[in-house]
Amino acid sequence: FRLVTGVQTCTLPISGRTNYYGYELWNEPEGTWQSKNGVFNSVLWKPTFNLIRSLDPQAKIIGPSYSYYSQSRMSEFLTYCKTNNCLPDIISWHQWGSETLSANIDSYRALETSLGISPRLISINEYSHNTHECEGAPGPSAPFIAKFERKGVDTANISWWFPSLPGRLGSLITAQNQKNGGWWFYKWYGDMSGNMVNTIPPNDKSDGLDGFANIDLAAKFASVGLGGNHTGTVYVQISGIPASFGNSVNVKVEHVTWSSKETAVNGTVTDADSVYTIVGGSITV
C-alpha cells in the first residue's frame, strides 16, 4: 500500500501472501469513526474500497462490520454503496445473542431484494452470548452454530473479551493453554464430515434449544450437536436414516461440562451407549 498524508508519503511493501480471506476495512464504524473526520461512507469506505480494488482487484472486501445489526443503518450503507459502486463482497456485522440472529439475516436478505442487490456472503465477524463471560460456552454456542448452518452464513468468529492472555482460540482454551468445555464442543463440530443436514428447532427465533447435524454416508456415521437456553428432557427425532445404515444403529450420547473460560476440562462424558431399532427410517433419542 502507498499511504499519503499531507506532504508525507509512505510506501509499504506488498507481502506476497495469498491466503487472506479478505480485507475488512473498518471495525464498528458507527462507534469508532469520529464524525469530525467526515461521513464514514464517503470519506473512509469508498476511497479505501477503490484503493484496494486498484491494488488487488480479485480480493474480497468485507464490511461494514457494525457492532450490531441495524436495518436502517444497513439500508443507508447499502444504498450509498450501490449508488457509488462500492458494495462489499461480504457483508459483516457483530451478533450479541443468538435469539435475533435469524431475524437479522432475514432482514438483511430483504434489504438486498428491495434494493436490487445480488446476494452477498455473510460474515458474523464477532458473536457472543449476551454476556461476554459465556463466549465459547457449549450451551450458548449451539444456537449460534445451528443458525449459521441453517441460514448459510459463510464465516463467523467468536468474540474475545476479558481473558488475561491472547492466543485463546476465541476463548476455547484457558490462560494456561488447557482445553476448556467450549474446546470440546467445537471439536464435535469440527469433526463433522460428509454433509450437513437440516435441523428443525422448537423456535428458530430464540436462544433456546437448537442443534446442528451431519451425515457421512461413506462412513455410515451421523452426529447431532445440541444446546441452548433450556433445562429438562429433550426428545430428538432423527428421520431420513438411509437404508444403507441397516435396521439398527449404535447411538452414543455425550455431554461436556463448562463453568468458565478458565476452567480446564479433560474430556467429554458418556451418558449412554446403546442400540436403537430404526422404524420407518427414524429413531427418537
C-alpha atoms as a PDB file:
ATOM      1  CA  PHE A   1       0.000   0.000   0.000  1.00  0.00           C
ATOM      2  CA  ARG A   2       1.035   3.592  -0.567  1.00  0.00           C
ATOM      3  CA  LEU A   3      -0.198   5.915   2.161  1.00  0.00           C
ATOM      4  CA  VAL A   4      -0.202   9.658   1.507  1.00  0.00           C
ATOM      5  CA  THR A   5      -0.830  12.014   4.444  1.00  0.00           C
ATOM      6  CA  GLY A   6      -0.308  15.715   3.906  1.00  0.00           C
ATOM      7  CA  VAL A   7       3.111  16.149   2.333  1.00  0.00           C
ATOM      8  CA  GLN A   8       4.460  12.814   3.610  1.00  0.00           C
ATOM      9  CA  THR A   9       4.454   9.663   1.508  1.00  0.00           C
ATOM     10  CA  CYS A  10       4.998   6.194   2.911  1.00  0.00           C
ATOM     11  CA  THR A  11       5.291   3.140   0.665  1.00  0.00           C
ATOM     12  CA  LEU A  12       4.640  -0.231   2.299  1.00  0.00           C
ATOM     13  CA  PRO A  13       5.954  -3.402   0.646  1.00  0.00           C
ATOM     14  CA  ILE A  14       3.446  -5.960  -0.647  1.00  0.00           C
ATOM     15  CA  SER A  15       3.741  -9.147   1.424  1.00  0.00           C
ATOM     16  CA  GLY A  16       3.130 -11.554  -1.450  1.00  0.00           C
ATOM     17  CA  ARG A  17       0.828 -13.679   0.703  1.00  0.00           C
ATOM     18  CA  THR A  18      -2.264 -15.097  -0.966  1.00  0.00           C
ATOM     19  CA  ASN A  19      -4.064 -16.844   1.899  1.00  0.00           C
ATOM     20  CA  TYR A  20      -6.151 -13.922   3.126  1.00  0.00           C
ATOM     21  CA  TYR A  21      -9.893 -14.360   3.352  1.00  0.00           C
ATOM     22  CA  GLY A  22     -10.473 -10.711   2.548  1.00  0.00           C
ATOM     23  CA  TYR A  23      -9.936  -7.101   3.580  1.00  0.00           C
ATOM     24  CA  GLU A  24     -12.126  -5.781   6.373  1.00  0.00           C
ATOM     25  CA  LEU A  25     -11.885  -2.020   6.023  1.00  0.00           C
ATOM     26  CA  TRP A  26     -13.042  -0.718   9.407  1.00  0.00           C
ATOM     27  CA  ASN A  27     -14.405  -2.203  12.613  1.00  0.00           C
ATOM     28  CA  GLU A  28     -17.586  -0.877  14.258  1.00  0.00           C
ATOM     29  CA  PRO A  29     -17.683   2.392  12.304  1.00  0.00           C
ATOM     30  CA  GLU A  30     -20.846   3.645  13.998  1.00  0.00           C
ATOM     31  CA  GLY A  31     -18.905   3.843  17.267  1.00  0.00           C
ATOM     32  CA  THR A  32     -15.229   4.173  16.335  1.00  0.00           C
ATOM     33  CA  TRP A  33     -15.275   6.508  13.328  1.00  0.00           C
ATOM     34  CA  GLN A  34     -15.124  10.127  14.520  1.00  0.00           C
ATOM     35  CA  SER A  35     -17.735  12.327  12.866  1.00  0.00           C
ATOM     36  CA  LYS A  36     -15.335  15.280  12.885  1.00  0.00           C
ATOM     37  CA  ASN A  37     -13.422  13.434  10.147  1.00  0.00           C
ATOM     38  CA  GLY A  38     -16.428  13.491   7.830  1.00  0.00           C
ATOM     39  CA  VAL A  39     -19.036  10.997   6.694  1.00  0.00           C
ATOM     40  CA  PHE A  40     -17.756   7.431   7.011  1.00  0.00           C
ATOM     41  CA  ASN A  41     -19.280   6.134   3.763  1.00  0.00           C
ATOM     42  CA  SER A  42     -17.779   8.828   1.545  1.00  0.00           C
ATOM     43  CA  VAL A  43     -14.586   9.764   3.414  1.00  0.00           C
ATOM     44  CA  LEU A  44     -13.356   6.330   4.510  1.00  0.00           C
ATOM     45  CA  TRP A  45     -15.285   3.498   2.897  1.00  0.00           C
ATOM     46  CA  LYS A  46     -15.342   4.435  -0.785  1.00  0.00           C
ATOM     47  CA  PRO A  47     -11.740   5.752  -1.094  1.00  0.00           C
ATOM     48  CA  THR A  48     -10.382   2.684   0.724  1.00  0.00           C
ATOM     49  CA  PHE A  49     -12.582   0.365  -1.351  1.00  0.00           C
ATOM     50  CA  ASN A  50     -11.292   1.968  -4.558  1.00  0.00           C
ATOM     51  CA  LEU A  51      -7.678   1.741  -3.407  1.00  0.00           C
ATOM     52  CA  ILE A  52      -7.929  -1.976  -2.609  1.00  0.00           C
ATOM     53  CA  ARG A  53      -9.694  -2.677  -5.894  1.00  0.00           C
ATOM     54  CA  SER A  54      -6.868  -0.954  -7.773  1.00  0.00           C
ATOM     55  CA  LEU A  55      -4.110  -2.797  -5.881  1.00  0.00           C
ATOM     56  CA  ASP A  56      -5.742  -6.214  -5.506  1.00  0.00           C
ATOM     57  CA  PRO A  57      -8.684  -6.494  -7.950  1.00  0.00           C
ATOM     58  CA  GLN A  58      -9.598 -10.093  -7.054  1.00  0.00           C
ATOM     59  CA  ALA A  59      -9.631  -9.579  -3.291  1.00  0.00           C
ATOM     60  CA  LYS A  60     -12.808  -9.896  -1.256  1.00  0.00           C
ATOM     61  CA  ILE A  61     -13.765  -6.706   0.570  1.00  0.00           C
ATOM     62  CA  ILE A  62     -15.645  -7.067   3.856  1.00  0.00           C
ATOM     63  CA  GLY A  63     -17.900  -4.609   5.658  1.00  0.00           C
ATOM     64  CA  PRO A  64     -19.480  -2.610   7.164  1.00  0.00           C
ATOM     65  CA  SER A  65     -18.700  -4.587  10.362  1.00  0.00           C
ATOM     66  CA  TYR A  66     -21.247  -2.806  12.546  1.00  0.00           C
ATOM     67  CA  SER A  67     -21.147  -3.581  16.264  1.00  0.00           C
ATOM     68  CA  TYR A  68     -24.756  -4.778  15.996  1.00  0.00           C
ATOM     69  CA  TYR A  69     -27.319  -5.174  13.254  1.00  0.00           C
ATOM     70  CA  SER A  70     -29.491  -2.148  12.457  1.00  0.00           C
ATOM     71  CA  GLN A  71     -31.811  -2.361   9.464  1.00  0.00           C
ATOM     72  CA  SER A  72     -31.915   1.413   8.960  1.00  0.00           C
ATOM     73  CA  ARG A  73     -28.146   1.819   9.203  1.00  0.00           C
ATOM     74  CA  MET A  74     -27.537  -1.149   6.904  1.00  0.00           C
ATOM     75  CA  SER A  75     -30.051   0.198   4.398  1.00  0.00           C
ATOM     76  CA  GLU A  76     -28.287   3.573   4.318  1.00  0.00           C
ATOM     77  CA  PHE A  77     -24.917   1.888   3.804  1.00  0.00           C
ATOM     78  CA  LEU A  78     -26.131  -0.428   1.030  1.00  0.00           C
ATOM     79  CA  THR A  79     -27.959   2.380  -0.757  1.00  0.00           C
ATOM     80  CA  TYR A  80     -24.806   4.518  -0.771  1.00  0.00           C
ATOM     81  CA  CYS A  81     -22.622   1.625  -1.920  1.00  0.00           C
ATOM     82  CA  LYS A  82     -24.931   0.643  -4.760  1.00  0.00           C
ATOM     83  CA  THR A  83     -25.140   4.234  -5.989  1.00  0.00           C
ATOM     84  CA  ASN A  84     -21.374   4.714  -5.751  1.00  0.00           C
ATOM     85  CA  ASN A  85     -20.242   1.292  -6.998  1.00  0.00           C
ATOM     86  CA  CYS A  86     -18.556   0.198  -3.778  1.00  0.00           C
ATOM     87  CA  LEU A  87     -20.609  -2.731  -2.475  1.00  0.00           C
ATOM     88  CA  PRO A  88     -18.591  -5.142  -0.336  1.00  0.00           C
ATOM     89  CA  ASP A  89     -18.251  -8.726  -1.467  1.00  0.00           C
ATOM     90  CA  ILE A  90     -19.008  -9.936   2.055  1.00  0.00           C
ATOM     91  CA  ILE A  91     -21.445  -8.270   4.451  1.00  0.00           C
ATOM     92  CA  SER A  92     -20.492  -8.361   8.116  1.00  0.00           C
ATOM     93  CA  TRP A  93     -21.839  -7.345  11.494  1.00  0.00           C
ATOM     94  CA  HIS A  94     -21.467  -8.405  15.116  1.00  0.00           C
ATOM     95  CA  GLN A  95     -24.150 -10.508  16.777  1.00  0.00           C
ATOM     96  CA  TRP A  96     -24.872 -10.347  20.512  1.00  0.00           C
ATOM     97  CA  GLY A  97     -27.244 -13.125  21.499  1.00  0.00           C
ATOM     98  CA  SER A  98     -28.498 -15.846  19.165  1.00  0.00           C
ATOM     99  CA  GLU A  99     -32.180 -15.064  19.613  1.00  0.00           C
ATOM    100  CA  THR A 100     -32.175 -12.272  16.991  1.00  0.00           C
ATOM    101  CA  LEU A 101     -29.729 -13.852  14.538  1.00  0.00           C
ATOM    102  CA  SER A 102     -32.254 -15.453  12.169  1.00  0.00           C
ATOM    103  CA  ALA A 103     -34.432 -12.339  12.087  1.00  0.00           C
ATOM    104  CA  ASN A 104     -31.413 -10.144  11.368  1.00  0.00           C
ATOM    105  CA  ILE A 105     -30.317 -12.318   8.452  1.00  0.00           C
ATOM    106  CA  ASP A 106     -33.871 -12.333   7.090  1.00  0.00           C
ATOM    107  CA  SER A 107     -33.952  -8.540   7.407  1.00  0.00           C
ATOM    108  CA  TYR A 108     -30.661  -8.201   5.558  1.00  0.00           C
ATOM    109  CA  ARG A 109     -31.778 -10.515   2.727  1.00  0.00           C
ATOM    110  CA  ALA A 110     -34.980  -8.483   2.377  1.00  0.00           C
ATOM    111  CA  LEU A 111     -32.864  -5.324   2.024  1.00  0.00           C
ATOM    112  CA  GLU A 112     -30.867  -6.934  -0.793  1.00  0.00           C
ATOM    113  CA  THR A 113     -34.076  -7.778  -2.611  1.00  0.00           C
ATOM    114  CA  SER A 114     -35.662  -4.363  -2.133  1.00  0.00           C
ATOM    115  CA  LEU A 115     -32.515  -2.559  -3.335  1.00  0.00           C
ATOM    116  CA  GLY A 116     -31.839  -4.900  -6.252  1.00  0.00           C
ATOM    117  CA  ILE A 117     -28.528  -6.121  -4.846  1.00  0.00           C
ATOM    118  CA  SER A 118     -27.298  -9.613  -5.654  1.00  0.00           C
ATOM    119  CA  PRO A 119     -26.930 -11.902  -2.601  1.00  0.00           C
ATOM    120  CA  ARG A 120     -23.708 -11.379  -0.669  1.00  0.00           C
ATOM    121  CA  LEU A 121     -21.812 -13.762   1.548  1.00  0.00           C
ATOM    122  CA  ILE A 122     -22.380 -13.047   5.253  1.00  0.00           C
ATOM    123  CA  SER A 123     -19.674 -12.958   7.904  1.00  0.00           C
ATOM    124  CA  ILE A 124     -20.651 -12.614  11.567  1.00  0.00           C
ATOM    125  CA  ASN A 125     -17.222 -11.360  12.487  1.00  0.00           C
ATOM    126  CA  GLU A 126     -17.884 -11.273  16.227  1.00  0.00           C
ATOM    127  CA  TYR A 127     -20.507 -13.245  18.101  1.00  0.00           C
ATOM    128  CA  SER A 128     -21.190 -13.980  21.722  1.00  0.00           C
ATOM    129  CA  HIS A 129     -23.842 -14.739  24.257  1.00  0.00           C
ATOM    130  CA  ASN A 130     -25.256 -11.524  25.717  1.00  0.00           C
ATOM    131  CA  THR A 131     -22.676 -11.732  28.490  1.00  0.00           C
ATOM    132  CA  HIS A 132     -19.084 -11.995  27.297  1.00  0.00           C
ATOM    133  CA  GLU A 133     -18.223 -14.325  30.169  1.00  0.00           C
ATOM    134  CA  CYS A 134     -20.031 -17.089  28.247  1.00  0.00           C
ATOM    135  CA  GLU A 135     -18.077 -16.734  24.992  1.00  0.00           C
ATOM    136  CA  GLY A 136     -17.456 -20.181  23.581  1.00  0.00           C
ATOM    137  CA  ALA A 137     -19.557 -21.924  26.226  1.00  0.00           C
ATOM    138  CA  PRO A 138     -21.202 -25.055  24.790  1.00  0.00           C
ATOM    139  CA  GLY A 139     -24.799 -24.205  25.709  1.00  0.00           C
ATOM    140  CA  PRO A 140     -24.949 -20.641  24.287  1.00  0.00           C
ATOM    141  CA  SER A 141     -22.806 -21.613  21.264  1.00  0.00           C
ATOM    142  CA  ALA A 142     -25.139 -24.318  19.962  1.00  0.00           C
ATOM    143  CA  PRO A 143     -27.944 -21.980  18.778  1.00  0.00           C
ATOM    144  CA  PHE A 144     -25.380 -19.770  17.046  1.00  0.00           C
ATOM    145  CA  ILE A 145     -23.814 -22.644  15.119  1.00  0.00           C
ATOM    146  CA  ALA A 146     -27.229 -24.109  14.301  1.00  0.00           C
ATOM    147  CA  LYS A 147     -28.457 -20.827  12.835  1.00  0.00           C
ATOM    148  CA  PHE A 148     -25.193 -20.200  10.958  1.00  0.00           C
ATOM    149  CA  GLU A 149     -25.667 -23.559   9.248  1.00  0.00           C
ATOM    150  CA  ARG A 150     -29.396 -23.128   8.694  1.00  0.00           C
ATOM    151  CA  LYS A 151     -29.034 -19.635   7.222  1.00  0.00           C
ATOM    152  CA  GLY A 152     -25.927 -20.355   5.162  1.00  0.00           C
ATOM    153  CA  VAL A 153     -23.591 -17.928   6.961  1.00  0.00           C
ATOM    154  CA  ASP A 154     -20.189 -18.046   5.268  1.00  0.00           C
ATOM    155  CA  THR A 155     -17.904 -17.369   8.236  1.00  0.00           C
ATOM    156  CA  ALA A 156     -18.140 -16.431  11.898  1.00  0.00           C
ATOM    157  CA  ASN A 157     -15.740 -15.692  14.734  1.00  0.00           C
ATOM    158  CA  ILE A 158     -16.304 -15.973  18.468  1.00  0.00           C
ATOM    159  CA  SER A 159     -15.761 -12.589  20.117  1.00  0.00           C
ATOM    160  CA  TRP A 160     -12.885 -12.307  22.539  1.00  0.00           C
ATOM    161  CA  TRP A 161     -13.266 -10.234  25.706  1.00  0.00           C
ATOM    162  CA  PHE A 162     -11.617 -10.138  29.120  1.00  0.00           C
ATOM    163  CA  PRO A 163      -9.269 -13.153  29.078  1.00  0.00           C
ATOM    164  CA  SER A 164      -5.914 -12.379  30.605  1.00  0.00           C
ATOM    165  CA  LEU A 165      -3.749 -13.609  27.727  1.00  0.00           C
ATOM    166  CA  PRO A 166      -4.075 -13.567  23.913  1.00  0.00           C
ATOM    167  CA  GLY A 167      -3.994 -16.574  21.630  1.00  0.00           C
ATOM    168  CA  ARG A 168      -7.025 -18.269  23.131  1.00  0.00           C
ATOM    169  CA  LEU A 169      -8.814 -19.672  20.040  1.00  0.00           C
ATOM    170  CA  GLY A 170     -11.751 -17.363  20.696  1.00  0.00           C
ATOM    171  CA  SER A 171     -11.904 -18.255  24.424  1.00  0.00           C
ATOM    172  CA  LEU A 172     -11.786 -22.024  23.830  1.00  0.00           C
ATOM    173  CA  ILE A 173      -8.640 -22.601  25.880  1.00  0.00           C
ATOM    174  CA  THR A 174      -7.580 -21.343  29.292  1.00  0.00           C
ATOM    175  CA  ALA A 175      -4.792 -18.896  30.036  1.00  0.00           C
ATOM    176  CA  GLN A 176      -2.578 -21.950  30.668  1.00  0.00           C
ATOM    177  CA  ASN A 177      -3.360 -23.328  27.175  1.00  0.00           C
ATOM    178  CA  GLN A 178      -5.645 -26.055  28.513  1.00  0.00           C
ATOM    179  CA  LYS A 179      -8.799 -27.142  26.746  1.00  0.00           C
ATOM    180  CA  ASN A 180     -11.988 -25.844  28.323  1.00  0.00           C
ATOM    181  CA  GLY A 181     -15.530 -27.131  27.796  1.00  0.00           C
ATOM    182  CA  GLY A 182     -16.015 -24.968  24.735  1.00  0.00           C
ATOM    183  CA  TRP A 183     -12.994 -26.542  23.032  1.00  0.00           C
ATOM    184  CA  TRP A 184     -14.585 -29.982  23.208  1.00  0.00           C
ATOM    185  CA  PHE A 185     -17.910 -28.666  21.894  1.00  0.00           C
ATOM    186  CA  TYR A 186     -16.265 -27.027  18.890  1.00  0.00           C
ATOM    187  CA  LYS A 187     -14.246 -30.190  18.326  1.00  0.00           C
ATOM    188  CA  TRP A 188     -17.552 -32.061  17.934  1.00  0.00           C
ATOM    189  CA  TYR A 189     -18.471 -29.516  15.285  1.00  0.00           C
ATOM    190  CA  GLY A 190     -15.072 -29.634  13.611  1.00  0.00           C
ATOM    191  CA  ASP A 191     -15.131 -33.440  13.449  1.00  0.00           C
ATOM    192  CA  MET A 192     -18.370 -33.474  11.439  1.00  0.00           C
ATOM    193  CA  SER A 193     -17.759 -34.931   7.990  1.00  0.00           C
ATOM    194  CA  GLY A 194     -19.801 -35.706   4.897  1.00  0.00           C
ATOM    195  CA  ASN A 195     -22.724 -33.281   4.590  1.00  0.00           C
ATOM    196  CA  MET A 196     -24.594 -31.037   6.997  1.00  0.00           C
ATOM    197  CA  VAL A 197     -28.305 -31.851   7.214  1.00  0.00           C
ATOM    198  CA  ASN A 198     -31.464 -29.941   8.062  1.00  0.00           C
ATOM    199  CA  THR A 199     -32.427 -29.419  11.702  1.00  0.00           C
ATOM    200  CA  ILE A 200     -35.751 -28.051  12.988  1.00  0.00           C
ATOM    201  CA  PRO A 201     -35.678 -26.441  16.457  1.00  0.00           C
ATOM    202  CA  PRO A 202     -38.710 -25.697  18.645  1.00  0.00           C
ATOM    203  CA  ASN A 203     -38.169 -21.981  17.908  1.00  0.00           C
ATOM    204  CA  ASP A 204     -35.600 -20.688  15.420  1.00  0.00           C
ATOM    205  CA  LYS A 205     -36.011 -17.119  16.718  1.00  0.00           C
ATOM    206  CA  SER A 206     -34.841 -17.784  20.258  1.00  0.00           C
ATOM    207  CA  ASP A 207     -31.715 -18.679  22.188  1.00  0.00           C
ATOM    208  CA  GLY A 208     -33.405 -21.881  23.333  1.00  0.00           C
ATOM    209  CA  LEU A 209     -32.778 -25.473  22.351  1.00  0.00           C
ATOM    210  CA  ASP A 210     -31.246 -25.783  18.888  1.00  0.00           C
ATOM    211  CA  GLY A 211     -28.928 -28.096  17.061  1.00  0.00           C
ATOM    212  CA  PHE A 212     -26.827 -28.866  14.016  1.00  0.00           C
ATOM    213  CA  ALA A 213     -26.133 -32.235  12.427  1.00  0.00           C
ATOM    214  CA  ASN A 214     -24.213 -34.102   9.752  1.00  0.00           C
ATOM    215  CA  ILE A 215     -24.305 -37.397   7.918  1.00  0.00           C
ATOM    216  CA  ASP A 216     -21.365 -39.197   6.348  1.00  0.00           C
ATOM    217  CA  LEU A 217     -22.727 -41.884   4.025  1.00  0.00           C
ATOM    218  CA  ALA A 218     -19.320 -43.354   3.309  1.00  0.00           C
ATOM    219  CA  ALA A 219     -18.535 -43.809   6.993  1.00  0.00           C
ATOM    220  CA  LYS A 220     -22.158 -44.722   7.857  1.00  0.00           C
ATOM    221  CA  PHE A 221     -21.997 -42.125  10.608  1.00  0.00           C
ATOM    222  CA  ALA A 222     -24.154 -39.210  11.705  1.00  0.00           C
ATOM    223  CA  SER A 223     -23.958 -36.832  14.638  1.00  0.00           C
ATOM    224  CA  VAL A 224     -26.036 -34.108  16.263  1.00  0.00           C
ATOM    225  CA  GLY A 225     -24.804 -31.204  18.388  1.00  0.00           C
ATOM    226  CA  LEU A 226     -27.405 -29.806  20.802  1.00  0.00           C
ATOM    227  CA  GLY A 227     -27.557 -26.976  23.286  1.00  0.00           C
ATOM    228  CA  GLY A 228     -29.189 -23.707  24.182  1.00  0.00           C
ATOM    229  CA  ASN A 229     -31.084 -21.946  26.942  1.00  0.00           C
ATOM    230  CA  HIS A 230     -33.033 -24.995  28.055  1.00  0.00           C
ATOM    231  CA  THR A 231     -33.314 -27.230  31.094  1.00  0.00           C
ATOM    232  CA  GLY A 232     -35.131 -30.546  31.089  1.00  0.00           C
ATOM    233  CA  THR A 233     -35.731 -33.631  28.983  1.00  0.00           C
ATOM    234  CA  VAL A 234     -35.243 -33.378  25.241  1.00  0.00           C
ATOM    235  CA  TYR A 235     -36.594 -35.801  22.644  1.00  0.00           C
ATOM    236  CA  VAL A 236     -34.625 -35.654  19.404  1.00  0.00           C
ATOM    237  CA  GLN A 237     -36.315 -37.221  16.389  1.00  0.00           C
ATOM    238  CA  ILE A 238     -33.799 -38.304  13.768  1.00  0.00           C
ATOM    239  CA  SER A 239     -35.535 -39.101  10.475  1.00  0.00           C
ATOM    240  CA  GLY A 240     -34.469 -39.893   6.944  1.00  0.00           C
ATOM    241  CA  ILE A 241     -31.941 -42.505   8.056  1.00  0.00           C
ATOM    242  CA  PRO A 242     -30.737 -44.162   4.820  1.00  0.00           C
ATOM    243  CA  ALA A 243     -31.410 -47.830   4.201  1.00  0.00           C
ATOM    244  CA  SER A 244     -27.663 -48.420   3.959  1.00  0.00           C
ATOM    245  CA  PHE A 245     -27.456 -47.951   7.732  1.00  0.00           C
ATOM    246  CA  GLY A 246     -29.355 -51.207   8.190  1.00  0.00           C
ATOM    247  CA  ASN A 247     -32.156 -51.997  10.659  1.00  0.00           C
ATOM    248  CA  SER A 248     -30.456 -50.603  13.761  1.00  0.00           C
ATOM    249  CA  VAL A 249     -27.830 -48.056  14.766  1.00  0.00           C
ATOM    250  CA  ASN A 250     -25.415 -47.637  17.637  1.00  0.00           C
ATOM    251  CA  VAL A 251     -26.203 -44.409  19.494  1.00  0.00           C
ATOM    252  CA  LYS A 252     -23.711 -42.721  21.799  1.00  0.00           C
ATOM    253  CA  VAL A 253     -24.863 -39.760  23.900  1.00  0.00           C
ATOM    254  CA  GLU A 254     -22.252 -37.465  25.426  1.00  0.00           C
ATOM    255  CA  HIS A 255     -22.144 -34.137  27.223  1.00  0.00           C
ATOM    256  CA  VAL A 256     -19.398 -31.724  28.159  1.00  0.00           C
ATOM    257  CA  THR A 257     -19.159 -29.580  31.287  1.00  0.00           C
ATOM    258  CA  TRP A 258     -18.333 -25.860  31.346  1.00  0.00           C
ATOM    259  CA  SER A 259     -18.142 -23.383  34.208  1.00  0.00           C
ATOM    260  CA  SER A 260     -15.828 -20.672  32.851  1.00  0.00           C
ATOM    261  CA  LYS A 261     -13.253 -19.906  30.166  1.00  0.00           C
ATOM    262  CA  GLU A 262     -10.519 -20.558  32.707  1.00  0.00           C
ATOM    263  CA  THR A 263     -11.764 -23.990  33.811  1.00  0.00           C
ATOM    264  CA  ALA A 264      -9.905 -26.862  32.180  1.00  0.00           C
ATOM    265  CA  VAL A 265     -11.973 -29.848  31.041  1.00  0.00           C
ATOM    266  CA  ASN A 266     -10.270 -33.159  30.389  1.00  0.00           C
ATOM    267  CA  GLY A 267     -12.859 -34.582  28.015  1.00  0.00           C
ATOM    268  CA  THR A 268     -16.461 -35.391  27.278  1.00  0.00           C
ATOM    269  CA  VAL A 269     -18.714 -37.553  29.442  1.00  0.00           C
ATOM    270  CA  THR A 270     -20.590 -40.546  28.012  1.00  0.00           C
ATOM    271  CA  ASP A 271     -24.194 -40.690  29.213  1.00  0.00           C
ATOM    272  CA  ALA A 272     -25.406 -43.663  27.182  1.00  0.00           C
ATOM    273  CA  ASP A 273     -24.152 -46.079  24.554  1.00  0.00           C
ATOM    274  CA  SER A 274     -26.834 -48.352  23.176  1.00  0.00           C
ATOM    275  CA  VAL A 275     -28.501 -49.825  20.085  1.00  0.00           C
ATOM    276  CA  TYR A 276     -31.675 -48.303  18.632  1.00  0.00           C
ATOM    277  CA  THR A 277     -34.001 -50.081  16.209  1.00  0.00           C
ATOM    278  CA  ILE A 278     -34.852 -47.966  13.141  1.00  0.00           C
ATOM    279  CA  VAL A 279     -38.594 -47.693  12.468  1.00  0.00           C
ATOM    280  CA  GLY A 280     -39.714 -46.049   9.244  1.00  0.00           C
ATOM    281  CA  GLY A 281     -36.269 -44.516   8.743  1.00  0.00           C
ATOM    282  CA  SER A 282     -36.394 -42.825  12.171  1.00  0.00           C
ATOM    283  CA  ILE A 283     -35.338 -43.068  15.774  1.00  0.00           C
ATOM    284  CA  THR A 284     -36.081 -40.858  18.762  1.00  0.00           C
ATOM    285  CA  VAL A 285     -33.318 -40.298  21.316  1.00  0.00           C
END
